[in-house]
Every structure is written in structure tokens, then in C-alpha cells.
């Protein structure tokens, strides 16, 4: 992926080095609407959150619901000059390209794309959805409309999940920005409403459709990104497809507990994630990504 020298976004907030002091218990009690979970339940949920999902607090059953107040915004030191380490520059470059792609896409229908902020943090960081932790993997918080990522996740992606490569890392960001699109388009709000009226099993099924749609949106981004920049190299698309396969629910469950329980899926199988990313990549249109109307995923 030929990303060096491309435009870098100024919508990145670097909180690395700020840190948060350790708290009692599991460290998850500070999340809005928190409920207790056994350690085993937390570990499994966090493994699943590595599937690049919506706010991993939702997977833990800790996300705020429609009637809850967002967690109070944390105070942060004024931002200094943009960090120049390779990880920060890469993130700013990929985020900038998502901005360019979605700006142009929305403009085609005389709409304005609201660009999200991306927060780099290390360890823990306060979010509009509660306390975010590195163990959760990257996530999007709809309450403050920000993407959060601890760059150490890329080591996990490469070394523990078997998905190396810079375009696999770009896919991570594109997927989370896909959840931002869902917030802008009203899909996330409909999910919040459904959560209050459907069973837990039915909500998990809806969650799978939400996640596969974000994968498809990431594919749409890749389609237009390559057409405008031609910056992908041989093997890059395969890196993204491999990442999608490695973070399927079945693969993660098999790795973490040795068995697969389809009824507990929240993100979709490896095959489904690959299929929906490829659908967006080939079609280049958001309308191709309506997982909620699809008869078969």
C-alpha cells in the first residue's frame, strides 16, 4: 500500500501518554450502564470485540441505551503538533482517505459527510460511552462520534490473529468508519430501539447484520479509494480478505474456546465477513450493503 506522502487528516486526537490510573475490579465498571460479568465472560467478549465490531461495550452488555445519559466528557490537554511516528502518520493518512471518499460519495446526492474524529490512546481513555480499554480492540462510540484505537492492536492483529499487512490495518479503520456511517444514516439508532424490544438472541442476529454491513461499507471505501489513488499493491486486497476471515466469530471462538457456537455470533462467520467485504468492493455502492434485507448472509 503506497501510503507515504499522501494527505493526512487533522481529525486525529492523540491521547497517548495521558493514561488513566488503574481502578478497582475488572476496570469495566466505569462504563455507562455497567453490569457485572464473570471474568470468563469478559475474556470471551473481548476476544469477540477484536472482530473490529461496534462499540465493544455493546458486546459486553455495557453500552448505554437510548434513555441513558452519555458519560461526561473527559478533559484533555491541548493537542500539540501532530506526532510523526509511522503509526500515527499511517492512521492519519488512512482516515484522510476515508474522508475524501465519503465526502465525494455524499456530495453525489447533495449531502454533506460529517467527518468523525479518531482518537489514538494507550491503555485506557475516557469516551462518550465510558472508559475504553486497549483490550477491547478498536471501537466506535456513537455518543461522541469518535473512533478509538490503541495502536498496539495492530501487533495483536499481526501476531495473535494472523492478519499482517498495512491494508489489513487500513481495513480496521475503514470498518470503524463504517459504523460512523451507520450512525449518520440512522441505522445505529434503529439498533438501539430494537435492543429494547427484541430478545437477546434476536438482537445478536441483528448485530451480525450490522457488523457485516460495516464490512461491506469498508469494501465500498476500498473500491473508491483504489479508483482515485491507485495506491494498492499486489497482495493488499488479500490482506484485507485475510483479516476479515481471521476475525470471523467462528474462527475467534474456535481459537479461544475450541468450539463454535453459531447462536452466540455477534459479527458473522469468516465466510460471511469476507463475502460482504467483497460485495462492497465489487459494487462500490452503499445500496449493495443492505444486510438487513438480505435473505441469506
Protein backbone atom coordinates (compact mmCIF):
# COMPACT_ATOMS: atom_id res chain seq x y z
CA UNK A 1 0.00 0.00 0.00
CA UNK A 2 1.68 3.18 -1.19
CA UNK A 3 0.51 5.47 1.61
CA UNK A 4 3.64 7.56 2.19
CA UNK A 5 3.32 11.16 1.02
CA UNK A 6 -0.48 11.17 0.85
CA UNK A 7 -2.69 13.73 2.61
CA UNK A 8 -3.00 13.30 6.38
CA UNK A 9 -6.18 14.08 8.30
CA UNK A 10 -6.18 16.72 11.03
CA UNK A 11 -9.15 14.97 12.70
CA UNK A 12 -6.89 12.75 14.81
CA UNK A 13 -6.62 13.35 18.54
CA UNK A 14 -3.50 11.88 20.10
CA UNK A 15 -4.03 10.98 23.76
CA UNK A 16 -1.15 8.55 24.01
CA UNK A 17 0.86 9.16 27.12
CA UNK A 18 -2.01 10.72 29.03
CA UNK A 19 -3.07 7.42 30.59
CA UNK A 20 -5.69 6.72 33.25
CA UNK A 21 -4.99 5.39 36.70
CA UNK A 22 -5.99 1.82 37.39
CA UNK A 23 -9.35 1.25 39.01
CA UNK A 24 -10.72 -1.49 41.17
CA UNK A 25 -12.37 -4.62 39.84
CA UNK A 26 -12.19 -5.53 36.19
CA UNK A 27 -11.73 -1.94 35.05
CA UNK A 28 -15.04 -2.14 33.20
CA UNK A 29 -17.20 -0.73 35.96
CA UNK A 30 -16.77 2.81 34.70
CA UNK A 31 -18.72 2.13 31.53
CA UNK A 32 -22.14 3.67 31.20
CA UNK A 33 -24.90 1.36 32.39
CA UNK A 34 -22.33 -1.23 33.53
CA UNK A 35 -23.38 -4.68 34.71
CA UNK A 36 -21.18 -7.34 36.30
CA UNK A 37 -19.76 -10.18 34.22
CA UNK A 38 -17.70 -13.20 35.18
CA UNK A 39 -14.06 -13.00 34.17
CA UNK A 40 -14.59 -15.76 31.60
CA UNK A 41 -17.47 -13.82 30.06
CA UNK A 42 -15.36 -10.68 29.84
CA UNK A 43 -12.46 -12.52 28.19
CA UNK A 44 -14.72 -14.13 25.58
CA UNK A 45 -16.48 -10.85 24.86
CA UNK A 46 -13.18 -9.04 24.46
CA UNK A 47 -11.95 -11.70 22.06
CA UNK A 48 -15.09 -11.15 20.03
CA UNK A 49 -14.64 -7.39 20.20
CA UNK A 50 -11.36 -7.93 18.36
CA UNK A 51 -13.62 -8.71 15.42
CA UNK A 52 -13.50 -4.96 14.82
CA UNK A 53 -17.05 -4.54 15.94
CA UNK A 54 -19.30 -1.78 17.01
CA UNK A 55 -18.57 -0.36 20.41
CA UNK A 56 -17.20 -3.44 22.24
CA UNK A 57 -19.05 -2.18 25.29
CA UNK A 58 -22.16 -3.37 23.46
CA UNK A 59 -20.71 -6.87 23.24
CA UNK A 60 -20.16 -6.81 26.98
CA UNK A 61 -23.73 -5.68 27.52
CA UNK A 62 -22.40 -2.45 28.99
CA UNK A 63 -23.36 0.12 26.40
CA UNK A 64 -25.76 2.88 27.26
CA UNK A 65 -29.28 2.52 25.89
CA UNK A 66 -31.44 5.21 24.42
CA UNK A 67 -32.57 6.69 27.75
CA UNK A 68 -29.12 6.83 29.32
CA UNK A 69 -27.03 9.94 29.59
CA UNK A 70 -23.64 9.81 27.86
CA UNK A 71 -20.66 9.58 30.14
CA UNK A 72 -19.27 13.05 30.94
CA UNK A 73 -16.59 14.19 28.55
CA UNK A 74 -13.09 13.93 29.92
CA UNK A 75 -10.75 16.91 29.94
CA UNK A 76 -7.61 16.55 27.88
CA UNK A 77 -4.52 18.61 27.50
CA UNK A 78 -4.42 20.86 24.43
CA UNK A 79 -3.16 18.98 21.42
CA UNK A 80 0.43 19.62 20.43
CA UNK A 81 1.98 19.23 17.00
CA UNK A 82 0.92 16.05 15.20
CA UNK A 83 3.04 13.06 16.18
CA UNK A 84 5.41 11.96 13.45
CA UNK A 85 5.83 8.29 14.30
CA UNK A 86 4.92 5.94 11.45
CA UNK A 87 1.84 4.55 13.22
CA UNK A 88 0.28 7.97 13.73
CA UNK A 89 1.09 9.08 10.17
CA UNK A 90 -0.42 5.89 8.76
CA UNK A 91 -3.65 6.34 10.73
CA UNK A 92 -3.94 9.99 9.70
CA UNK A 93 -3.36 9.02 6.06
CA UNK A 94 -5.98 6.28 6.00
CA UNK A 95 -8.50 8.43 7.87
CA UNK A 96 -7.88 11.24 5.37
CA UNK A 97 -8.67 8.90 2.51
CA UNK A 98 -11.93 7.78 4.13
CA UNK A 99 -12.78 11.49 4.39
CA UNK A 100 -12.03 12.05 0.71
CA UNK A 101 -14.03 9.01 -0.39
CA UNK A 102 -17.10 9.68 1.74
CA UNK A 103 -17.03 13.44 1.10
CA UNK A 104 -17.28 12.75 -2.62
CA UNK A 105 -19.79 9.93 -2.23
CA UNK A 106 -22.20 12.01 -0.13
CA UNK A 107 -21.75 15.03 -2.43
CA UNK A 108 -23.10 12.96 -5.32
CA UNK A 109 -26.51 13.12 -3.65
CA UNK A 110 -26.11 16.74 -2.47
CA UNK A 111 -25.39 15.69 1.10
CA UNK A 112 -22.56 16.63 3.42
CA UNK A 113 -20.46 13.97 5.08
CA UNK A 114 -19.81 14.65 8.76
CA UNK A 115 -16.22 13.56 9.37
CA UNK A 116 -15.55 11.61 12.56
CA UNK A 117 -12.67 12.19 14.93
CA UNK A 118 -10.20 9.38 15.55
CA UNK A 119 -8.57 9.11 18.96
CA UNK A 120 -5.21 7.44 19.49
CA UNK A 121 -4.77 6.27 23.06
CA UNK A 122 -2.66 3.88 25.06
CA UNK A 123 -4.04 1.66 27.80
CA UNK A 124 -7.25 3.45 28.70
CA UNK A 125 -9.15 6.53 27.64
CA UNK A 126 -12.40 8.20 28.60
CA UNK A 127 -15.01 8.19 25.84
CA UNK A 128 -18.57 9.37 25.43
CA UNK A 129 -19.56 5.74 26.07
CA UNK A 130 -17.48 5.23 29.22
CA UNK A 131 -13.92 4.07 29.79
CA UNK A 132 -12.34 2.48 26.75
CA UNK A 133 -9.50 -0.03 27.19
CA UNK A 134 -6.84 -1.33 24.84
CA UNK A 135 -8.03 -4.91 25.42
CA UNK A 136 -11.29 -4.04 23.68
CA UNK A 137 -9.60 -3.51 20.36
CA UNK A 138 -10.62 -0.61 18.08
CA UNK A 139 -14.18 0.66 18.51
CA UNK A 140 -16.57 3.41 17.53
CA UNK A 141 -18.51 5.35 20.16
CA UNK A 142 -21.78 6.68 18.72
CA UNK A 143 -22.31 9.01 21.71
CA UNK A 144 -19.33 11.22 20.78
CA UNK A 145 -18.98 10.02 17.16
CA UNK A 146 -15.33 9.11 17.55
CA UNK A 147 -13.25 6.11 16.55
CA UNK A 148 -10.83 4.89 19.24
CA UNK A 149 -7.73 2.80 18.70
CA UNK A 150 -4.69 1.76 20.70
CA UNK A 151 -2.05 1.07 18.05
CA UNK A 152 -0.84 -1.98 19.99
CA UNK A 153 -3.90 -3.69 18.49
CA UNK A 154 -2.03 -3.89 15.21
CA UNK A 155 0.53 -6.12 16.94
CA UNK A 156 -2.36 -8.31 18.08
CA UNK A 157 -3.81 -8.34 14.59
CA UNK A 158 -0.47 -9.47 13.16
CA UNK A 159 0.88 -11.77 15.85
CA UNK A 160 -2.19 -13.30 17.53
CA UNK A 161 -4.90 -13.08 14.92
CA UNK A 162 -2.73 -13.94 11.90
CA UNK A 163 -3.60 -10.88 9.82
CA UNK A 164 -0.43 -8.92 8.92
CA UNK A 165 -0.09 -6.12 6.41
CA UNK A 166 -0.78 -2.41 6.13
CA UNK A 167 -4.00 -2.84 4.19
CA UNK A 168 -5.31 -5.18 6.88
CA UNK A 169 -4.66 -2.29 9.27
CA UNK A 170 -6.42 0.15 6.94
CA UNK A 171 -9.42 -2.22 6.87
CA UNK A 172 -9.64 -1.89 10.66
CA UNK A 173 -10.09 1.88 10.36
CA UNK A 174 -12.45 1.62 7.38
CA UNK A 175 -14.68 -0.82 9.29
CA UNK A 176 -14.96 1.53 12.28
CA UNK A 177 -15.69 4.46 9.97
CA UNK A 178 -18.38 2.19 8.53
CA UNK A 179 -20.04 2.25 11.94
CA UNK A 180 -19.88 6.03 11.81
CA UNK A 181 -21.75 5.91 8.51
CA UNK A 182 -24.38 3.76 10.22
CA UNK A 183 -24.75 6.44 12.87
CA UNK A 184 -25.13 9.16 10.24
CA UNK A 185 -27.65 7.11 8.25
CA UNK A 186 -29.77 6.25 11.29
CA UNK A 187 -29.01 2.52 11.36
CA UNK A 188 -27.35 2.62 14.79
CA UNK A 189 -30.33 4.44 16.30
CA UNK A 190 -32.68 1.77 14.94
CA UNK A 191 -30.47 -0.86 16.55
CA UNK A 192 -30.75 0.91 19.90
CA UNK A 193 -34.52 0.92 19.57
CA UNK A 194 -34.57 -2.76 18.64
CA UNK A 195 -32.46 -3.63 21.65
CA UNK A 196 -35.28 -2.56 23.94
CA UNK A 197 -37.97 -4.67 22.28
CA UNK A 198 -36.37 -7.88 20.98
CA UNK A 199 -34.89 -10.89 22.72
CA UNK A 200 -31.18 -11.19 23.35
CA UNK A 201 -30.93 -13.88 20.69
CA UNK A 202 -32.71 -11.73 18.10
CA UNK A 203 -30.52 -8.77 18.99
CA UNK A 204 -27.38 -10.84 18.40
CA UNK A 205 -28.75 -11.74 14.97
CA UNK A 206 -29.29 -8.05 14.21
CA UNK A 207 -25.80 -7.29 15.47
CA UNK A 208 -24.38 -9.73 12.91
CA UNK A 209 -26.17 -7.83 10.15
CA UNK A 210 -24.87 -4.53 11.50
CA UNK A 211 -21.29 -5.79 11.53
CA UNK A 212 -21.46 -7.33 8.07
CA UNK A 213 -22.83 -4.04 6.76
CA UNK A 214 -19.81 -2.22 8.22
CA UNK A 215 -17.57 -4.76 6.46
CA UNK A 216 -19.42 -4.05 3.22
CA UNK A 217 -19.02 -0.30 3.74
CA UNK A 218 -15.29 -0.87 4.20
CA UNK A 219 -15.32 -2.65 0.85
CA UNK A 220 -17.10 0.29 -0.79
CA UNK A 221 -14.41 2.58 0.61
CA UNK A 222 -11.66 0.33 -0.79
CA UNK A 223 -13.37 0.36 -4.22
CA UNK A 224 -13.39 4.15 -4.49
CA UNK A 225 -10.06 4.61 -2.74
CA UNK A 226 -8.27 2.45 -5.28
CA UNK A 227 -10.04 4.11 -8.21
CA UNK A 228 -8.95 7.57 -7.06
CA UNK A 229 -5.44 6.83 -5.79
CA UNK A 230 -4.35 3.50 -7.29
CA UNK A 231 -2.28 3.06 -4.16
CA UNK A 232 -2.95 -0.61 -3.52
CA UNK A 233 -0.23 -3.05 -4.43
CA UNK A 234 -0.26 -6.75 -5.21
CA UNK A 235 -1.46 -8.67 -2.18
CA UNK A 236 -3.16 -5.74 -0.44
CA UNK A 237 -6.73 -6.86 -1.12
CA UNK A 238 -5.75 -10.35 0.01
CA UNK A 239 -4.52 -8.83 3.29
CA UNK A 240 -7.93 -7.30 3.94
CA UNK A 241 -9.75 -10.50 2.99
CA UNK A 242 -7.48 -12.49 5.28
CA UNK A 243 -8.16 -10.04 8.12
CA UNK A 244 -11.91 -10.42 7.56
CA UNK A 245 -11.51 -14.20 7.66
CA UNK A 246 -9.34 -14.25 10.77
CA UNK A 247 -11.79 -12.17 12.80
CA UNK A 248 -14.95 -14.11 11.99
CA UNK A 249 -16.88 -15.28 15.04
CA UNK A 250 -16.35 -18.94 14.21
CA UNK A 251 -12.59 -18.52 13.88
CA UNK A 252 -12.31 -16.48 17.07
CA UNK A 253 -14.45 -18.91 19.05
CA UNK A 254 -12.50 -21.89 17.77
CA UNK A 255 -9.27 -20.16 18.77
CA UNK A 256 -10.46 -19.06 22.22
CA UNK A 257 -12.64 -21.96 23.37
CA UNK A 258 -12.12 -24.78 20.90
CA UNK A 259 -15.77 -24.95 19.81
CA UNK A 260 -18.10 -22.88 17.66
CA UNK A 261 -21.50 -21.70 18.91
CA UNK A 262 -23.33 -20.06 15.97
CA UNK A 263 -26.20 -18.93 18.23
CA UNK A 264 -23.77 -16.63 20.05
CA UNK A 265 -22.38 -14.94 16.92
CA UNK A 266 -22.42 -11.14 17.00
CA UNK A 267 -20.26 -10.31 13.98
CA UNK A 268 -20.69 -13.10 11.47
CA UNK A 269 -18.65 -16.05 10.32
CA UNK A 270 -15.34 -15.71 8.50
CA UNK A 271 -17.04 -16.65 5.23
CA UNK A 272 -19.75 -14.03 5.73
CA UNK A 273 -17.31 -11.27 6.59
CA UNK A 274 -15.21 -11.98 3.52
CA UNK A 275 -18.32 -12.18 1.32
CA UNK A 276 -19.73 -8.83 2.43
CA UNK A 277 -16.41 -7.01 2.19
CA UNK A 278 -16.05 -8.35 -1.35
CA UNK A 279 -19.60 -7.31 -2.18
CA UNK A 280 -18.86 -3.70 -1.24
CA UNK A 281 -15.51 -3.83 -3.01
CA UNK A 282 -17.06 -5.03 -6.25
CA UNK A 283 -20.21 -2.88 -6.21
CA UNK A 284 -18.82 0.40 -4.88
CA UNK A 285 -22.31 1.42 -3.72
CA UNK A 286 -23.82 1.63 -0.23
CA UNK A 287 -27.11 0.26 -1.52
CA UNK A 288 -25.36 -3.05 -2.18
CA UNK A 289 -24.77 -3.35 1.57
CA UNK A 290 -28.32 -3.73 2.88
CA UNK A 291 -27.65 -6.73 5.08
CA UNK A 292 -30.91 -6.15 6.95
CA UNK A 293 -32.99 -7.02 3.88
CA UNK A 294 -30.78 -9.87 2.72
CA UNK A 295 -32.48 -13.23 2.93
CA UNK A 296 -29.18 -15.05 3.36
CA UNK A 297 -25.99 -13.62 4.77
